[in-house]
Amino acid sequence: MIVSDLSLKTFAILAGSMAALCAVQFFLDLHRLLRSINHLPGYRTVFSSATVFGNLLPRIPLLALGYDHSWRLKHAPFAERGLDIISAVSFWPKPMGNMFIADVQAIKHIVWSRGRFPKPLSQYTILTFFGDNIVVSE
């Protein structure tokens, strides 16, 4: 069967190639993310706690951390691992990483080092509606 000069076999090859390329890109992004955090121990889930869908689901190991997981678990994940910084890597919709920090000195270093940890000012542009303020300034 030919559909507008494109055979079904050609379409299947094209669709399969696109799926394979997307899968390779996904795994390269995931590997790059894990390497950037030096494979720091922590959570590995399908859905990020930073997404709406990840917060709608209850806590299901390897699937989602669940709503308000930081408040429910408090310092327990840090104590279990013996670390002050742990990571949370999620796989969907794209590989995404978060860092949870329990060390006061590390938090002070991050907050006060504007050169090493700049604010994502593009995310705060909506707040300029209220005029210049300390949140939208660098």
Protein backbone atom coordinates (compact mmCIF):
# COMPACT_ATOMS: atom_id res chain seq x y z
CA MET A 1 0.00 0.00 0.00
CA ILE A 2 1.38 3.39 -0.97
CA VAL A 3 0.18 6.50 0.82
CA SER A 4 1.19 9.65 -1.05
CA ASP A 5 4.44 8.20 -2.37
CA LEU A 6 5.45 6.81 1.03
CA SER A 7 5.24 3.06 1.50
CA LEU A 8 4.23 1.55 4.80
CA LYS A 9 7.64 -0.11 5.11
CA THR A 10 9.43 3.22 4.65
CA PHE A 11 7.14 4.85 7.20
CA ALA A 12 7.84 2.04 9.71
CA ILE A 13 11.60 2.42 9.20
CA LEU A 14 11.33 6.19 9.62
CA ALA A 15 9.21 5.90 12.78
CA GLY A 16 11.52 3.25 14.24
CA SER A 17 14.58 5.36 13.51
CA MET A 18 13.02 8.38 15.19
CA ALA A 19 12.10 6.30 18.26
CA ALA A 20 15.64 4.91 18.44
CA LEU A 21 17.16 8.39 18.14
CA CYS A 22 14.88 9.72 20.89
CA ALA A 23 15.83 6.79 23.14
CA VAL A 24 19.54 7.35 22.55
CA GLN A 25 19.14 11.09 23.25
CA PHE A 26 17.22 10.31 26.45
CA PHE A 27 19.91 7.95 27.76
CA LEU A 28 22.69 10.37 26.83
CA ASP A 29 20.90 13.16 28.72
CA LEU A 30 20.40 10.87 31.71
CA HIS A 31 24.05 9.79 31.71
CA ARG A 32 25.18 13.43 31.41
CA LEU A 33 22.93 14.40 34.34
CA LEU A 34 24.18 11.60 36.59
CA ARG A 35 27.80 12.39 35.70
CA SER A 36 27.24 16.09 36.50
CA ILE A 37 26.20 15.21 40.06
CA ASN A 38 28.99 12.59 40.37
CA HIS A 39 26.37 9.84 40.87
CA LEU A 40 25.53 11.31 44.28
CA PRO A 41 23.30 8.91 46.26
CA GLY A 42 19.65 9.75 46.58
CA TYR A 43 16.32 9.11 44.95
CA ARG A 44 15.81 7.75 41.44
CA THR A 45 12.19 8.03 40.33
CA VAL A 46 10.20 8.12 37.12
CA PHE A 47 8.23 11.27 37.98
CA SER A 48 9.86 14.38 39.44
CA SER A 49 8.56 15.91 42.64
CA ALA A 50 8.83 19.25 40.84
CA THR A 51 6.02 18.34 38.43
CA VAL A 52 2.29 18.41 39.04
CA PHE A 53 1.88 14.74 38.16
CA GLY A 54 4.67 13.73 40.54
CA ASN A 55 2.86 15.52 43.37
CA LEU A 56 -0.53 14.00 42.56
CA LEU A 57 0.73 10.45 43.04
CA PRO A 58 1.24 8.98 46.51
CA ARG A 59 4.70 7.82 47.54
CA ILE A 60 5.49 4.80 45.37
CA PRO A 61 9.14 3.65 45.42
CA LEU A 62 10.89 4.12 42.06
CA LEU A 63 7.80 5.85 40.62
CA ALA A 64 7.21 9.04 42.64
CA LEU A 65 8.31 10.63 45.90
CA GLY A 66 4.76 11.76 46.58
CA TYR A 67 3.25 14.96 47.83
CA ASP A 68 5.23 16.89 50.45
CA HIS A 69 7.91 14.21 50.79
CA SER A 70 10.48 16.60 52.28
CA TRP A 71 8.13 17.57 55.09
CA ARG A 72 7.09 13.99 55.84
CA LEU A 73 10.59 12.49 55.81
CA LYS A 74 12.41 15.48 57.33
CA HIS A 75 16.07 14.57 58.05
CA ALA A 76 15.68 10.77 57.79
CA PRO A 77 17.03 10.40 54.20
CA PHE A 78 20.18 12.33 55.15
CA ALA A 79 20.70 10.31 58.33
CA GLU A 80 20.20 6.99 56.50
CA ARG A 81 22.89 7.84 53.99
CA GLY A 82 25.19 9.73 56.35
CA LEU A 83 25.28 12.70 53.96
CA ASP A 84 24.31 16.36 54.10
CA ILE A 85 23.47 16.57 50.39
CA ILE A 86 21.42 14.01 48.47
CA SER A 87 20.10 14.01 44.93
CA ALA A 88 16.77 13.26 43.32
CA VAL A 89 16.90 12.24 39.67
CA SER A 90 13.72 11.72 37.68
CA PHE A 91 13.32 10.34 34.20
CA TRP A 92 10.03 11.75 32.87
CA PRO A 93 9.20 13.93 30.98
CA LYS A 94 12.95 14.45 30.60
CA PRO A 95 15.90 13.64 32.87
CA MET A 96 15.81 16.19 35.69
CA GLY A 97 17.88 16.52 38.85
CA ASN A 98 17.29 18.16 42.22
CA MET A 99 19.60 18.50 45.18
CA PHE A 100 18.39 18.41 48.78
CA ILE A 101 20.76 20.11 51.21
CA ALA A 102 20.74 19.79 55.00
CA ASP A 103 24.02 21.54 55.84
CA VAL A 104 23.62 25.16 56.97
CA GLN A 105 27.10 26.20 55.82
CA ALA A 106 26.51 24.74 52.35
CA ILE A 107 23.19 26.58 52.08
CA LYS A 108 24.87 29.86 53.11
CA HIS A 109 27.58 29.30 50.51
CA ILE A 110 24.99 28.71 47.77
CA VAL A 111 22.82 31.69 48.73
CA TRP A 112 25.68 34.17 49.04
CA SER A 113 27.80 33.06 46.03
CA ARG A 114 25.94 34.82 43.25
CA GLY A 115 28.73 34.22 40.73
CA ARG A 116 28.82 30.45 41.24
CA PHE A 117 25.08 30.00 41.77
CA PRO A 118 23.24 32.67 39.73
CA LYS A 119 19.47 33.13 39.99
CA PRO A 120 17.41 31.97 37.01
CA LEU A 121 16.15 35.50 36.36
CA SER A 122 14.06 34.43 33.37
CA GLN A 123 11.76 32.57 35.76
CA TYR A 124 11.14 35.72 37.79
CA THR A 125 10.16 38.06 34.93
CA ILE A 126 6.46 37.76 35.78
CA LEU A 127 7.21 39.31 39.17
CA THR A 128 8.42 42.53 37.51
CA PHE A 129 4.72 43.29 37.04
CA PHE A 130 4.81 44.49 40.65
CA GLY A 131 7.83 46.69 39.98
CA ASP A 132 11.49 46.28 40.86
CA ASN A 133 11.98 44.24 44.00
CA ILE A 134 14.66 42.18 45.71
CA VAL A 135 13.50 38.90 44.19
CA VAL A 136 13.94 39.96 40.55
CA SER A 137 17.23 41.78 41.09
CA GLU A 138 20.61 40.13 40.82
